[in-house]
Amino acid sequence: MRRLIRADIRRILKKRSVVVLFCIALAFLGMHVVGSCLAYGKDPVVPVKGLMSHMGMPELVIGLVILFGVYSDDFRSMSYSSVIGRGLTRSKLVLAKLLDTVILTALMYGIITLVLRLGLLFVGCDFTPRLSRAFYMTIFITVYKTVGYIALSSMILYITNNIPVTTISLLLLYIAVPFSALLFSLNPQVKALHIERLHYAGLAGNAFSDFLFGSAVMGIGKLFFGLLIYLGLVLFVTIKIFDKKELEF
């Protein structure tokens, strides 16, 4: 499994499309974070607000890049069948692909964090402890949600073997989930249940608020609950269904 993960990471990072799209996402964030700091007199609040307000597009681009690199390429070429044919169990394949996703997501957002912070330091913009916490937690929560969204979309791919449907499912997660509170508020009975606080992204958003206001234990608990319940359930269902699926060799 380790050799498969290493081979996947090397293959994906060598793809020109991955590098180009990642650089576009990084440049977009750099313009709105570092550029806004210069435009507004090095006010440290502005780049944090810029990061929080403009993370949506890079988050979507990076999510699609990782989904295609880790999953779609293998399913399009059916190379995963040959890996299973050589003795790797299906459950280990599912876990390996999830670890690919975690590693690539952490690597890409790690580079983004480093470049943005160095850029802000270079232009003379520094944060207060609370602003620094907001900056880093915004990126961490983005990593958390990206891994969860891709894992859920990959479950659909394992079940249907349909790349367009899987892509649409990921797009819907990125587009629809942020508006879930608005959708749920249309019905007073549903609104009273606060369902938007209980789904995977809602728990992440609540944890973000907890960390900002110093309730780290509550924040960690909510993140762990999301991983245990939602991501754990996705993994369980994916492995169970994929184990019974007929494969073409």
C-alpha atoms as a PDB file:
ATOM      1  CA  MET A   1       0.000   0.000   0.000  1.00  0.00           C
ATOM      2  CA  ARG A   2       2.863   2.406   0.761  1.00  0.00           C
ATOM      3  CA  ARG A   3       4.333   1.851  -2.695  1.00  0.00           C
ATOM      4  CA  LEU A   4       0.948   2.569  -4.289  1.00  0.00           C
ATOM      5  CA  ILE A   5       0.613   5.810  -2.330  1.00  0.00           C
ATOM      6  CA  ARG A   6       4.127   6.946  -3.257  1.00  0.00           C
ATOM      7  CA  ALA A   7       3.547   6.103  -6.916  1.00  0.00           C
ATOM      8  CA  ASP A   8       0.216   7.947  -6.934  1.00  0.00           C
ATOM      9  CA  ILE A   9       1.677  11.088  -5.330  1.00  0.00           C
ATOM     10  CA  ARG A  10       4.599  11.184  -7.768  1.00  0.00           C
ATOM     11  CA  ARG A  11       2.295  10.610 -10.757  1.00  0.00           C
ATOM     12  CA  ILE A  12      -0.140  13.340  -9.752  1.00  0.00           C
ATOM     13  CA  LEU A  13       2.496  15.948  -8.915  1.00  0.00           C
ATOM     14  CA  LYS A  14       4.137  15.414 -12.309  1.00  0.00           C
ATOM     15  CA  LYS A  15       0.952  16.308 -14.183  1.00  0.00           C
ATOM     16  CA  ARG A  16       1.205  19.709 -15.847  1.00  0.00           C
ATOM     17  CA  SER A  17      -2.513  20.409 -15.396  1.00  0.00           C
ATOM     18  CA  VAL A  18      -2.206  19.897 -11.634  1.00  0.00           C
ATOM     19  CA  VAL A  19       0.706  22.329 -11.368  1.00  0.00           C
ATOM     20  CA  VAL A  20      -0.953  24.962 -13.590  1.00  0.00           C
ATOM     21  CA  LEU A  21      -4.320  24.891 -11.819  1.00  0.00           C
ATOM     22  CA  PHE A  22      -2.675  24.927  -8.411  1.00  0.00           C
ATOM     23  CA  CYS A  23      -0.581  27.949  -9.393  1.00  0.00           C
ATOM     24  CA  ILE A  24      -3.712  29.737 -10.638  1.00  0.00           C
ATOM     25  CA  ALA A  25      -5.478  29.065  -7.325  1.00  0.00           C
ATOM     26  CA  LEU A  26      -2.403  30.245  -5.394  1.00  0.00           C
ATOM     27  CA  ALA A  27      -2.090  33.416  -7.506  1.00  0.00           C
ATOM     28  CA  PHE A  28      -5.792  34.158  -6.998  1.00  0.00           C
ATOM     29  CA  LEU A  29      -5.463  33.888  -3.225  1.00  0.00           C
ATOM     30  CA  GLY A  30      -2.197  35.826  -3.230  1.00  0.00           C
ATOM     31  CA  MET A  31      -3.855  38.685  -5.091  1.00  0.00           C
ATOM     32  CA  HIS A  32      -6.756  38.897  -2.638  1.00  0.00           C
ATOM     33  CA  VAL A  33      -4.750  38.296   0.545  1.00  0.00           C
ATOM     34  CA  VAL A  34      -1.331  39.894   0.040  1.00  0.00           C
ATOM     35  CA  GLY A  35      -2.587  42.403  -2.507  1.00  0.00           C
ATOM     36  CA  SER A  36      -5.431  43.567  -0.268  1.00  0.00           C
ATOM     37  CA  CYS A  37      -2.988  44.146   2.586  1.00  0.00           C
ATOM     38  CA  LEU A  38      -1.058  46.607   0.453  1.00  0.00           C
ATOM     39  CA  ALA A  39      -4.204  48.221  -0.908  1.00  0.00           C
ATOM     40  CA  TYR A  40      -5.614  48.967   2.555  1.00  0.00           C
ATOM     41  CA  GLY A  41      -2.550  50.314   4.300  1.00  0.00           C
ATOM     42  CA  LYS A  42      -1.279  47.035   5.755  1.00  0.00           C
ATOM     43  CA  ASP A  43      -4.328  46.641   7.989  1.00  0.00           C
ATOM     44  CA  PRO A  44      -3.943  43.045   9.316  1.00  0.00           C
ATOM     45  CA  VAL A  45      -7.721  42.504   9.386  1.00  0.00           C
ATOM     46  CA  VAL A  46      -8.062  42.912   5.625  1.00  0.00           C
ATOM     47  CA  PRO A  47      -5.963  39.920   4.448  1.00  0.00           C
ATOM     48  CA  VAL A  48      -7.751  37.592   6.887  1.00  0.00           C
ATOM     49  CA  LYS A  49     -11.129  38.778   5.617  1.00  0.00           C
ATOM     50  CA  GLY A  50      -9.813  38.416   2.067  1.00  0.00           C
ATOM     51  CA  LEU A  51      -8.785  34.834   2.734  1.00  0.00           C
ATOM     52  CA  MET A  52     -12.117  33.922   4.297  1.00  0.00           C
ATOM     53  CA  SER A  53     -14.114  35.644   1.542  1.00  0.00           C
ATOM     54  CA  HIS A  54     -12.203  34.316  -1.466  1.00  0.00           C
ATOM     55  CA  MET A  55     -11.354  30.763  -0.454  1.00  0.00           C
ATOM     56  CA  GLY A  56     -14.332  29.327  -2.366  1.00  0.00           C
ATOM     57  CA  MET A  57     -12.886  29.339  -5.891  1.00  0.00           C
ATOM     58  CA  PRO A  58      -9.424  27.948  -5.006  1.00  0.00           C
ATOM     59  CA  GLU A  59     -11.079  25.365  -2.743  1.00  0.00           C
ATOM     60  CA  LEU A  60     -13.251  24.162  -5.625  1.00  0.00           C
ATOM     61  CA  VAL A  61     -10.354  24.091  -8.108  1.00  0.00           C
ATOM     62  CA  ILE A  62      -8.052  22.183  -5.758  1.00  0.00           C
ATOM     63  CA  GLY A  63     -10.843  19.762  -4.844  1.00  0.00           C
ATOM     64  CA  LEU A  64     -11.468  18.951  -8.508  1.00  0.00           C
ATOM     65  CA  VAL A  65      -7.737  18.644  -9.213  1.00  0.00           C
ATOM     66  CA  ILE A  66      -7.291  16.119  -6.402  1.00  0.00           C
ATOM     67  CA  LEU A  67     -10.448  14.188  -7.293  1.00  0.00           C
ATOM     68  CA  PHE A  68      -9.351  13.797 -10.915  1.00  0.00           C
ATOM     69  CA  GLY A  69      -5.746  13.015 -10.014  1.00  0.00           C
ATOM     70  CA  VAL A  70      -6.427  10.466  -7.293  1.00  0.00           C
ATOM     71  CA  TYR A  71      -9.604   8.803  -8.538  1.00  0.00           C
ATOM     72  CA  SER A  72     -10.791   9.713 -12.030  1.00  0.00           C
ATOM     73  CA  ASP A  73      -7.557   8.905 -13.868  1.00  0.00           C
ATOM     74  CA  ASP A  74      -7.430   5.422 -12.329  1.00  0.00           C
ATOM     75  CA  PHE A  75     -11.088   4.687 -12.995  1.00  0.00           C
ATOM     76  CA  ARG A  76     -10.841   5.971 -16.557  1.00  0.00           C
ATOM     77  CA  SER A  77      -7.843   3.752 -17.324  1.00  0.00           C
ATOM     78  CA  MET A  78      -9.081   0.888 -15.085  1.00  0.00           C
ATOM     79  CA  SER A  79      -5.575   0.682 -13.598  1.00  0.00           C
ATOM     80  CA  TYR A  80      -7.054   0.052 -10.154  1.00  0.00           C
ATOM     81  CA  SER A  81      -8.239  -3.346 -11.442  1.00  0.00           C
ATOM     82  CA  SER A  82      -4.674  -4.396 -12.171  1.00  0.00           C
ATOM     83  CA  VAL A  83      -3.583  -3.261  -8.696  1.00  0.00           C
ATOM     84  CA  ILE A  84      -6.282  -5.455  -7.147  1.00  0.00           C
ATOM     85  CA  GLY A  85      -5.328  -8.281  -9.492  1.00  0.00           C
ATOM     86  CA  ARG A  86      -1.789  -8.153  -8.119  1.00  0.00           C
ATOM     87  CA  GLY A  87      -2.964  -8.875  -4.594  1.00  0.00           C
ATOM     88  CA  LEU A  88      -3.899  -5.565  -2.964  1.00  0.00           C
ATOM     89  CA  THR A  89      -7.229  -5.913  -1.166  1.00  0.00           C
ATOM     90  CA  ARG A  90     -10.074  -3.608  -2.104  1.00  0.00           C
ATOM     91  CA  SER A  91     -10.290  -2.147   1.393  1.00  0.00           C
ATOM     92  CA  LYS A  92      -6.584  -1.252   1.272  1.00  0.00           C
ATOM     93  CA  LEU A  93      -7.102   0.374  -2.132  1.00  0.00           C
ATOM     94  CA  VAL A  94      -9.903   2.529  -0.712  1.00  0.00           C
ATOM     95  CA  LEU A  95      -7.729   3.506   2.269  1.00  0.00           C
ATOM     96  CA  ALA A  96      -4.720   4.203   0.039  1.00  0.00           C
ATOM     97  CA  LYS A  97      -6.755   6.543  -2.154  1.00  0.00           C
ATOM     98  CA  LEU A  98      -8.090   8.352   0.909  1.00  0.00           C
ATOM     99  CA  LEU A  99      -4.534   8.764   2.221  1.00  0.00           C
ATOM    100  CA  ASP A 100      -3.526  10.098  -1.219  1.00  0.00           C
ATOM    101  CA  THR A 101      -6.257  12.697  -0.822  1.00  0.00           C
ATOM    102  CA  VAL A 102      -5.158  13.664   2.686  1.00  0.00           C
ATOM    103  CA  ILE A 103      -1.480  13.956   1.695  1.00  0.00           C
ATOM    104  CA  LEU A 104      -2.129  15.998  -1.448  1.00  0.00           C
ATOM    105  CA  THR A 105      -4.616  18.287   0.277  1.00  0.00           C
ATOM    106  CA  ALA A 106      -2.256  18.912   3.202  1.00  0.00           C
ATOM    107  CA  LEU A 107       0.676  19.467   0.831  1.00  0.00           C
ATOM    108  CA  MET A 108      -1.127  21.944  -1.415  1.00  0.00           C
ATOM    109  CA  TYR A 109      -2.635  23.961   1.407  1.00  0.00           C
ATOM    110  CA  GLY A 110       0.647  23.805   3.286  1.00  0.00           C
ATOM    111  CA  ILE A 111       2.345  25.489   0.324  1.00  0.00           C
ATOM    112  CA  ILE A 112      -0.474  28.042   0.116  1.00  0.00           C
ATOM    113  CA  THR A 113      -0.121  28.832   3.829  1.00  0.00           C
ATOM    114  CA  LEU A 114       3.647  29.236   3.571  1.00  0.00           C
ATOM    115  CA  VAL A 115       3.528  31.450   0.471  1.00  0.00           C
ATOM    116  CA  LEU A 116       0.780  33.701   1.832  1.00  0.00           C
ATOM    117  CA  ARG A 117       2.435  34.160   5.220  1.00  0.00           C
ATOM    118  CA  LEU A 118       5.832  34.885   3.675  1.00  0.00           C
ATOM    119  CA  GLY A 119       4.166  37.306   1.273  1.00  0.00           C
ATOM    120  CA  LEU A 120       2.419  39.118   4.127  1.00  0.00           C
ATOM    121  CA  LEU A 121       5.626  39.286   6.154  1.00  0.00           C
ATOM    122  CA  PHE A 122       7.468  40.614   3.109  1.00  0.00           C
ATOM    123  CA  VAL A 123       5.025  43.513   2.697  1.00  0.00           C
ATOM    124  CA  GLY A 124       5.151  44.218   6.440  1.00  0.00           C
ATOM    125  CA  CYS A 125       1.756  42.901   7.495  1.00  0.00           C
ATOM    126  CA  ASP A 126       1.674  40.961  10.767  1.00  0.00           C
ATOM    127  CA  PHE A 127      -1.214  39.507  12.757  1.00  0.00           C
ATOM    128  CA  THR A 128      -2.472  39.700  16.301  1.00  0.00           C
ATOM    129  CA  PRO A 129      -2.807  36.277  17.993  1.00  0.00           C
ATOM    130  CA  ARG A 130      -6.564  36.147  17.275  1.00  0.00           C
ATOM    131  CA  LEU A 131      -6.119  37.121  13.627  1.00  0.00           C
ATOM    132  CA  SER A 132      -3.335  34.574  13.292  1.00  0.00           C
ATOM    133  CA  ARG A 133      -5.656  31.913  14.709  1.00  0.00           C
ATOM    134  CA  ALA A 134      -8.376  32.906  12.237  1.00  0.00           C
ATOM    135  CA  PHE A 135      -5.921  32.774   9.332  1.00  0.00           C
ATOM    136  CA  TYR A 136      -4.588  29.306  10.090  1.00  0.00           C
ATOM    137  CA  MET A 137      -7.949  27.866  11.116  1.00  0.00           C
ATOM    138  CA  THR A 138      -9.534  29.048   7.859  1.00  0.00           C
ATOM    139  CA  ILE A 139      -7.019  26.980   5.921  1.00  0.00           C
ATOM    140  CA  PHE A 140      -7.231  24.014   8.293  1.00  0.00           C
ATOM    141  CA  ILE A 141     -11.037  23.876   8.055  1.00  0.00           C
ATOM    142  CA  THR A 142     -10.738  24.073   4.276  1.00  0.00           C
ATOM    143  CA  VAL A 143      -8.446  21.025   4.338  1.00  0.00           C
ATOM    144  CA  TYR A 144     -10.909  19.241   6.614  1.00  0.00           C
ATOM    145  CA  LYS A 145     -13.877  19.928   4.331  1.00  0.00           C
ATOM    146  CA  THR A 146     -11.937  19.105   1.145  1.00  0.00           C
ATOM    147  CA  VAL A 147     -11.000  15.647   2.410  1.00  0.00           C
ATOM    148  CA  GLY A 148     -14.588  14.964   3.472  1.00  0.00           C
ATOM    149  CA  TYR A 149     -16.139  16.190   0.219  1.00  0.00           C
ATOM    150  CA  ILE A 150     -13.749  14.170  -1.933  1.00  0.00           C
ATOM    151  CA  ALA A 151     -14.294  11.054   0.187  1.00  0.00           C
ATOM    152  CA  LEU A 152     -18.069  11.366  -0.251  1.00  0.00           C
ATOM    153  CA  SER A 153     -17.758  11.939  -4.001  1.00  0.00           C
ATOM    154  CA  SER A 154     -15.360   8.998  -4.322  1.00  0.00           C
ATOM    155  CA  MET A 155     -18.004   6.756  -2.741  1.00  0.00           C
ATOM    156  CA  ILE A 156     -20.290   7.637  -5.637  1.00  0.00           C
ATOM    157  CA  LEU A 157     -17.489   6.838  -8.065  1.00  0.00           C
ATOM    158  CA  TYR A 158     -16.826   3.439  -6.481  1.00  0.00           C
ATOM    159  CA  ILE A 159     -20.556   2.635  -6.699  1.00  0.00           C
ATOM    160  CA  THR A 160     -21.400   4.001 -10.159  1.00  0.00           C
ATOM    161  CA  ASN A 161     -18.023   4.015 -11.923  1.00  0.00           C
ATOM    162  CA  ASN A 162     -19.323   7.220 -13.525  1.00  0.00           C
ATOM    163  CA  ILE A 163     -16.843  10.106 -13.569  1.00  0.00           C
ATOM    164  CA  PRO A 164     -19.276  12.872 -14.737  1.00  0.00           C
ATOM    165  CA  VAL A 165     -21.788  12.007 -11.987  1.00  0.00           C
ATOM    166  CA  THR A 166     -18.967  12.015  -9.418  1.00  0.00           C
ATOM    167  CA  THR A 167     -17.745  15.412 -10.643  1.00  0.00           C
ATOM    168  CA  ILE A 168     -21.249  16.852 -10.425  1.00  0.00           C
ATOM    169  CA  SER A 169     -21.627  15.483  -6.900  1.00  0.00           C
ATOM    170  CA  LEU A 170     -18.438  17.255  -5.807  1.00  0.00           C
ATOM    171  CA  LEU A 171     -19.545  20.493  -7.463  1.00  0.00           C
ATOM    172  CA  LEU A 172     -22.899  20.275  -5.700  1.00  0.00           C
ATOM    173  CA  LEU A 173     -21.188  19.808  -2.339  1.00  0.00           C
ATOM    174  CA  TYR A 174     -19.056  22.901  -2.841  1.00  0.00           C
ATOM    175  CA  ILE A 175     -21.927  24.994  -4.201  1.00  0.00           C
ATOM    176  CA  ALA A 176     -24.980  23.765  -2.259  1.00  0.00           C
ATOM    177  CA  VAL A 177     -23.573  23.202   1.245  1.00  0.00           C
ATOM    178  CA  PRO A 178     -22.691  26.896   1.852  1.00  0.00           C
ATOM    179  CA  PHE A 179     -26.334  27.772   1.131  1.00  0.00           C
ATOM    180  CA  SER A 180     -27.794  24.985   3.284  1.00  0.00           C
ATOM    181  CA  ALA A 181     -28.654  27.363   6.120  1.00  0.00           C
ATOM    182  CA  LEU A 182     -30.632  29.524   3.696  1.00  0.00           C
ATOM    183  CA  LEU A 183     -32.430  26.516   2.236  1.00  0.00           C
ATOM    184  CA  PHE A 184     -33.320  25.086   5.646  1.00  0.00           C
ATOM    185  CA  SER A 185     -34.576  28.480   6.823  1.00  0.00           C
ATOM    186  CA  LEU A 186     -37.342  28.424   4.202  1.00  0.00           C
ATOM    187  CA  ASN A 187     -39.268  26.012   6.418  1.00  0.00           C
ATOM    188  CA  PRO A 188     -39.781  27.242  10.033  1.00  0.00           C
ATOM    189  CA  GLN A 189     -40.012  23.701  11.451  1.00  0.00           C
ATOM    190  CA  VAL A 190     -36.810  22.610   9.712  1.00  0.00           C
ATOM    191  CA  LYS A 191     -35.069  25.863  10.635  1.00  0.00           C
ATOM    192  CA  ALA A 192     -35.780  25.237  14.331  1.00  0.00           C
ATOM    193  CA  LEU A 193     -33.829  21.972  14.152  1.00  0.00           C
ATOM    194  CA  HIS A 194     -30.618  23.784  13.014  1.00  0.00           C
ATOM    195  CA  ILE A 195     -29.709  20.924  10.676  1.00  0.00           C
ATOM    196  CA  GLU A 196     -27.092  23.119   8.999  1.00  0.00           C
ATOM    197  CA  ARG A 197     -25.027  22.865  12.199  1.00  0.00           C
ATOM    198  CA  LEU A 198     -25.072  19.076  12.201  1.00  0.00           C
ATOM    199  CA  HIS A 199     -23.781  18.071   8.774  1.00  0.00           C
ATOM    200  CA  TYR A 200     -20.073  17.620   8.051  1.00  0.00           C
ATOM    201  CA  ALA A 201     -19.377  21.186   6.905  1.00  0.00           C
ATOM    202  CA  GLY A 202     -21.667  22.606   9.596  1.00  0.00           C
ATOM    203  CA  LEU A 203     -19.666  20.869  12.309  1.00  0.00           C
ATOM    204  CA  ALA A 204     -16.487  22.257  10.745  1.00  0.00           C
ATOM    205  CA  GLY A 205     -17.941  25.771  10.760  1.00  0.00           C
ATOM    206  CA  ASN A 206     -18.990  25.451  14.402  1.00  0.00           C
ATOM    207  CA  ALA A 207     -15.547  24.128  15.321  1.00  0.00           C
ATOM    208  CA  PHE A 208     -13.996  27.133  13.565  1.00  0.00           C
ATOM    209  CA  SER A 209     -16.053  29.481  15.756  1.00  0.00           C
ATOM    210  CA  ASP A 210     -15.097  27.529  18.864  1.00  0.00           C
ATOM    211  CA  PHE A 211     -11.395  27.850  18.088  1.00  0.00           C
ATOM    212  CA  LEU A 212     -11.722  31.589  17.444  1.00  0.00           C
ATOM    213  CA  PHE A 213     -13.383  32.174  20.802  1.00  0.00           C
ATOM    214  CA  GLY A 214     -10.970  29.992  22.743  1.00  0.00           C
ATOM    215  CA  SER A 215     -13.075  26.827  23.116  1.00  0.00           C
ATOM    216  CA  ALA A 216     -10.457  24.524  21.635  1.00  0.00           C
ATOM    217  CA  VAL A 217     -11.765  21.399  23.377  1.00  0.00           C
ATOM    218  CA  MET A 218     -15.254  21.907  21.927  1.00  0.00           C
ATOM    219  CA  GLY A 219     -13.787  22.568  18.496  1.00  0.00           C
ATOM    220  CA  ILE A 220     -11.646  19.429  18.553  1.00  0.00           C
ATOM    221  CA  GLY A 221     -14.634  17.396  19.735  1.00  0.00           C
ATOM    222  CA  LYS A 222     -16.799  18.572  16.837  1.00  0.00           C
ATOM    223  CA  LEU A 223     -14.078  17.899  14.270  1.00  0.00           C
ATOM    224  CA  PHE A 224     -13.479  14.447  15.712  1.00  0.00           C
ATOM    225  CA  PHE A 225     -17.231  13.751  15.710  1.00  0.00           C
ATOM    226  CA  GLY A 226     -17.404  14.719  12.024  1.00  0.00           C
ATOM    227  CA  LEU A 227     -14.523  12.404  11.170  1.00  0.00           C
ATOM    228  CA  LEU A 228     -15.893   9.542  13.224  1.00  0.00           C
ATOM    229  CA  ILE A 229     -19.519   9.709  12.087  1.00  0.00           C
ATOM    230  CA  TYR A 230     -19.512  11.134   8.576  1.00  0.00           C
ATOM    231  CA  LEU A 231     -16.119  10.147   7.197  1.00  0.00           C
ATOM    232  CA  GLY A 232     -16.241   6.832   9.037  1.00  0.00           C
ATOM    233  CA  LEU A 233     -19.670   6.070   7.582  1.00  0.00           C
ATOM    234  CA  VAL A 234     -18.528   6.989   4.075  1.00  0.00           C
ATOM    235  CA  LEU A 235     -15.510   4.679   4.378  1.00  0.00           C
ATOM    236  CA  PHE A 236     -17.618   1.838   5.772  1.00  0.00           C
ATOM    237  CA  VAL A 237     -20.228   2.070   2.992  1.00  0.00           C
ATOM    238  CA  THR A 238     -17.593   2.466   0.276  1.00  0.00           C
ATOM    239  CA  ILE A 239     -15.633  -0.594   1.379  1.00  0.00           C
ATOM    240  CA  LYS A 240     -18.757  -2.731   1.846  1.00  0.00           C
ATOM    241  CA  ILE A 241     -20.200  -1.911  -1.577  1.00  0.00           C
ATOM    242  CA  PHE A 242     -16.880  -1.966  -3.436  1.00  0.00           C
ATOM    243  CA  ASP A 243     -16.032  -5.382  -1.962  1.00  0.00           C
ATOM    244  CA  LYS A 244     -19.139  -6.867  -3.598  1.00  0.00           C
ATOM    245  CA  LYS A 245     -18.768  -5.105  -6.940  1.00  0.00           C
ATOM    246  CA  GLU A 246     -17.881  -7.040 -10.074  1.00  0.00           C
ATOM    247  CA  LEU A 247     -14.690  -5.689 -11.630  1.00  0.00           C
ATOM    248  CA  GLU A 248     -13.441  -5.856 -15.204  1.00  0.00           C
ATOM    249  CA  PHE A 249      -9.855  -7.048 -15.564  1.00  0.00           C
END
